[in-house]
Amino acid sequence: MAIFSEESHPTSTPESNLEESLLESAQTEDDISESPSTETHEQDTEKQAQEELQIYQDKYIRLAAEFENYKRRAQRDQSDAIRYANESLLKNLLSTIDNLERAIQSGKDAGTSGPLLEGVELTHKQFIETIGKLGVRQVSSTGNPFDPTMHQAVAQVESDTAEPNTVVEEFQKGYFLHDRILRPAMVTVAKEKSDQTDPISTQDAGEEGGIQA
């Protein structure tokens, strides 16, 4: 007859089943409690990544705008350098044109005529046409209001015909190079006429006029 011991075939009891159920329930609760924490961490990580991405995008946009502005400035500076490359040369030529104009005026004042004066006038005309092709034009002066940006006042005179602050005479012509002043015009400006007549008192008038009491 075979003898079986109770240790080789343990039987489950209600108490052991209850303990196993409690352990499984506790593990399930631990898993449930850990799940929201993990999800929150992932959300924070994603939010931080989006913020960093937005920061880098803003930096890129600013850098792109700054580079575009730099490129425009560089292009404008290059264009101005080409546009005004002959400024120094043209300014030096103005004194030659002034001398030609003085020679022409002196010849006319002296009543000179003939091929010599005509040759000087032709040379002057060619100079004006040449610098005109390079963007040089004369400043309007006589009869126009005084403008300190393109006129240089060397004197003021009283005038009965011209309005105050109006150019009445031009000593030296001024010139523009495109939209930039190449040389201001030297001019005389009209000012308001002052009354210099001193009033005569009644006593003085009576004495001069021989009025007696």
Protein backbone atom coordinates (compact mmCIF):
# COMPACT_ATOMS: atom_id res chain seq x y z
CA MET A 1 0.00 0.00 0.00
CA ALA A 2 1.42 3.42 -1.04
CA ILE A 3 1.59 6.12 1.56
CA PHE A 4 1.10 9.77 0.44
CA SER A 5 2.32 12.62 2.62
CA GLU A 6 0.50 15.93 2.82
CA GLU A 7 3.71 17.91 2.00
CA SER A 8 4.12 16.38 -1.48
CA HIS A 9 0.63 17.44 -2.58
CA PRO A 10 -0.28 20.67 -0.76
CA THR A 11 -3.81 21.73 -1.16
CA SER A 12 -4.80 25.35 -1.63
CA THR A 13 -6.73 26.99 1.12
CA PRO A 14 -9.08 29.97 1.06
CA GLU A 15 -6.52 32.00 3.01
CA SER A 16 -3.80 31.44 0.39
CA ASN A 17 -6.15 32.32 -2.43
CA LEU A 18 -7.07 35.55 -0.68
CA GLU A 19 -3.42 36.51 -0.25
CA GLU A 20 -2.69 35.90 -3.93
CA SER A 21 -5.68 38.03 -4.94
CA LEU A 22 -4.53 40.85 -2.69
CA LEU A 23 -1.01 40.71 -4.14
CA GLU A 24 -2.28 40.81 -7.72
CA SER A 25 -4.57 43.71 -6.86
CA ALA A 26 -1.69 45.64 -5.31
CA GLN A 27 0.51 45.08 -8.36
CA THR A 28 -2.31 46.23 -10.63
CA GLU A 29 -2.76 49.37 -8.55
CA ASP A 30 0.99 50.04 -8.74
CA ASP A 31 0.89 49.71 -12.53
CA ILE A 32 -2.11 52.06 -12.71
CA SER A 33 -0.47 54.62 -10.43
CA GLU A 34 2.78 54.59 -12.46
CA SER A 35 1.08 55.01 -15.85
CA PRO A 36 -0.14 58.69 -15.47
CA SER A 37 3.28 59.74 -14.18
CA THR A 38 4.97 58.35 -17.27
CA GLU A 39 2.44 60.03 -19.55
CA THR A 40 2.91 63.39 -17.81
CA HIS A 41 6.69 63.14 -18.21
CA GLU A 42 6.30 62.44 -21.90
CA GLN A 43 3.99 65.44 -22.28
CA ASP A 44 6.48 67.72 -20.50
CA THR A 45 9.29 66.45 -22.71
CA GLU A 46 7.25 67.09 -25.85
CA LYS A 47 6.28 70.58 -24.68
CA GLN A 48 9.89 71.45 -23.94
CA ALA A 49 10.94 70.19 -27.36
CA GLN A 50 8.26 72.36 -29.02
CA GLU A 51 9.41 75.42 -27.08
CA GLU A 52 13.01 74.86 -28.09
CA LEU A 53 11.92 74.40 -31.70
CA GLN A 54 10.01 77.70 -31.56
CA ILE A 55 13.06 79.46 -30.13
CA TYR A 56 15.28 78.15 -32.94
CA GLN A 57 12.67 79.12 -35.54
CA ASP A 58 12.53 82.68 -34.16
CA LYS A 59 16.34 82.90 -34.23
CA TYR A 60 16.37 81.68 -37.82
CA ILE A 61 13.76 84.24 -38.86
CA ARG A 62 15.72 87.08 -37.21
CA LEU A 63 18.98 85.97 -38.78
CA ALA A 64 17.33 85.71 -42.19
CA ALA A 65 15.89 89.23 -41.83
CA GLU A 66 19.25 90.65 -40.70
CA PHE A 67 21.04 89.00 -43.60
CA GLU A 68 18.47 90.37 -46.05
CA ASN A 69 18.95 93.88 -44.65
CA TYR A 70 22.73 93.49 -44.86
CA LYS A 71 22.48 92.34 -48.45
CA ARG A 72 20.31 95.34 -49.35
CA ARG A 73 22.74 97.75 -47.66
CA ALA A 74 25.67 96.17 -49.44
CA GLN A 75 23.89 96.44 -52.80
CA ARG A 76 22.96 100.08 -52.11
CA ASP A 77 26.53 100.94 -51.07
CA GLN A 78 27.88 99.28 -54.18
CA SER A 79 25.38 101.13 -56.35
CA ASP A 80 26.26 104.47 -54.71
CA ALA A 81 29.96 103.78 -55.14
CA ILE A 82 29.44 103.31 -58.87
CA ARG A 83 26.96 106.20 -59.15
CA TYR A 84 29.25 108.72 -57.45
CA ALA A 85 32.61 107.28 -58.50
CA ASN A 86 33.50 110.42 -60.51
CA GLU A 87 32.46 112.91 -57.81
CA SER A 88 35.99 114.09 -56.99
CA LEU A 89 36.97 114.44 -60.66
CA LEU A 90 33.81 116.35 -61.56
CA LYS A 91 34.23 118.70 -58.62
CA ASN A 92 37.74 119.57 -59.83
CA LEU A 93 36.42 120.24 -63.33
CA LEU A 94 34.03 122.90 -62.01
CA SER A 95 36.86 125.37 -61.50
CA THR A 96 37.79 124.99 -65.17
CA ILE A 97 34.19 125.68 -66.18
CA ASP A 98 34.20 128.76 -63.91
CA ASN A 99 37.30 130.09 -65.65
CA LEU A 100 35.77 129.56 -69.06
CA GLU A 101 32.64 131.45 -67.99
CA ARG A 102 34.75 134.33 -66.64
CA ALA A 103 36.69 134.49 -69.91
CA ILE A 104 33.46 134.56 -71.93
CA GLN A 105 31.98 137.29 -69.73
CA SER A 106 35.17 139.35 -69.86
CA GLY A 107 35.24 139.10 -73.65
CA LYS A 108 31.64 140.22 -73.91
CA ASP A 109 32.20 143.12 -71.50
CA ALA A 110 35.21 144.24 -73.57
CA GLY A 111 33.21 144.02 -76.78
CA THR A 112 35.41 141.24 -78.10
CA SER A 113 34.06 139.07 -80.89
CA GLY A 114 35.41 136.66 -83.43
CA PRO A 115 36.70 133.09 -83.62
CA LEU A 116 38.56 133.23 -80.29
CA LEU A 117 35.49 134.04 -78.22
CA GLU A 118 33.41 131.58 -80.21
CA GLY A 119 35.99 128.87 -79.55
CA VAL A 120 35.91 129.51 -75.82
CA GLU A 121 32.10 129.41 -75.86
CA LEU A 122 32.15 126.14 -77.79
CA THR A 123 34.61 124.61 -75.31
CA HIS A 124 32.41 125.68 -72.41
CA LYS A 125 29.35 124.18 -74.08
CA GLN A 126 31.12 120.86 -74.61
CA PHE A 127 32.18 120.77 -70.95
CA ILE A 128 28.60 121.35 -69.80
CA GLU A 129 27.26 118.65 -72.12
CA THR A 130 29.92 116.16 -71.01
CA ILE A 131 29.32 116.56 -67.28
CA GLY A 132 25.58 116.57 -67.95
CA LYS A 133 25.85 113.05 -69.37
CA LEU A 134 27.48 112.03 -66.07
CA GLY A 135 24.55 113.33 -64.02
CA VAL A 136 25.69 116.88 -63.26
CA ARG A 137 23.15 119.72 -63.39
CA GLN A 138 23.15 123.33 -62.24
CA VAL A 139 21.48 124.59 -59.07
CA SER A 140 18.66 127.08 -59.56
CA SER A 141 19.49 130.25 -57.67
CA THR A 142 18.55 133.76 -58.81
CA GLY A 143 14.95 134.62 -58.03
CA ASN A 144 14.40 131.49 -55.95
CA PRO A 145 14.06 131.25 -52.15
CA PHE A 146 17.32 130.77 -50.30
CA ASP A 147 17.93 127.10 -49.46
CA PRO A 148 20.88 126.40 -47.14
CA THR A 149 21.16 122.85 -48.48
CA MET A 150 22.21 124.10 -51.92
CA HIS A 151 23.01 127.81 -51.45
CA GLN A 152 25.87 129.51 -49.61
CA ALA A 153 25.03 133.08 -48.65
CA VAL A 154 28.01 135.44 -48.89
CA ALA A 155 26.08 138.69 -48.40
CA GLN A 156 22.67 140.20 -47.64
CA VAL A 157 21.28 143.28 -49.31
CA GLU A 158 18.12 145.32 -48.88
CA SER A 159 15.81 145.14 -51.86
CA ASP A 160 12.63 146.94 -52.85
CA THR A 161 11.71 144.40 -55.52
CA ALA A 162 12.71 141.00 -54.10
CA GLU A 163 11.04 139.26 -51.19
CA PRO A 164 13.14 138.77 -48.05
CA ASN A 165 15.23 135.58 -48.03
CA THR A 166 15.25 135.47 -51.84
CA VAL A 167 18.42 135.04 -53.92
CA VAL A 168 19.06 138.25 -55.85
CA GLU A 169 22.55 137.60 -57.24
CA GLU A 170 24.76 134.60 -57.97
CA PHE A 171 28.53 134.88 -57.63
CA GLN A 172 29.37 131.27 -58.35
CA LYS A 173 27.13 128.59 -59.83
CA GLY A 174 26.23 125.52 -57.86
CA TYR A 175 25.89 121.98 -59.19
CA PHE A 176 24.16 118.71 -58.34
CA LEU A 177 25.54 115.24 -59.01
CA HIS A 178 22.36 113.21 -59.47
CA ASP A 179 20.45 113.95 -56.25
CA ARG A 180 23.52 114.96 -54.19
CA ILE A 181 24.88 118.50 -53.97
CA LEU A 182 28.26 118.63 -55.69
CA ARG A 183 28.97 122.28 -54.91
CA PRO A 184 26.65 124.87 -53.35
CA ALA A 185 26.01 128.13 -55.17
CA MET A 186 27.52 131.31 -53.71
CA VAL A 187 24.75 133.91 -53.63
CA THR A 188 23.52 137.21 -52.25
CA VAL A 189 20.24 137.12 -50.36
CA ALA A 190 17.64 139.86 -50.03
CA LYS A 191 16.61 141.08 -46.62
CA GLU A 192 13.82 143.30 -45.41
CA LYS A 193 14.49 147.00 -45.87
CA SER A 194 14.89 148.79 -42.60
CA ASP A 195 13.51 152.27 -41.94
CA GLN A 196 16.54 154.43 -41.10
CA THR A 197 14.68 157.74 -40.95
CA ASP A 198 14.77 159.05 -37.39
CA PRO A 199 11.57 160.63 -36.19
CA ILE A 200 11.84 164.41 -35.49
CA SER A 201 10.45 165.60 -32.22
CA THR A 202 7.84 168.34 -32.09
CA GLN A 203 10.20 170.67 -30.26
CA ASP A 204 12.94 170.28 -32.87
CA ALA A 205 10.42 170.76 -35.64
CA GLY A 206 9.18 173.95 -34.03
CA GLU A 207 12.65 175.33 -33.64
CA GLU A 208 13.67 174.47 -37.19
CA GLY A 209 10.50 175.83 -38.59
CA GLY A 210 10.76 179.07 -36.66
CA ILE A 211 7.50 178.60 -34.82
CA GLN A 212 7.13 181.00 -31.94
CA ALA A 213 4.74 181.05 -29.12
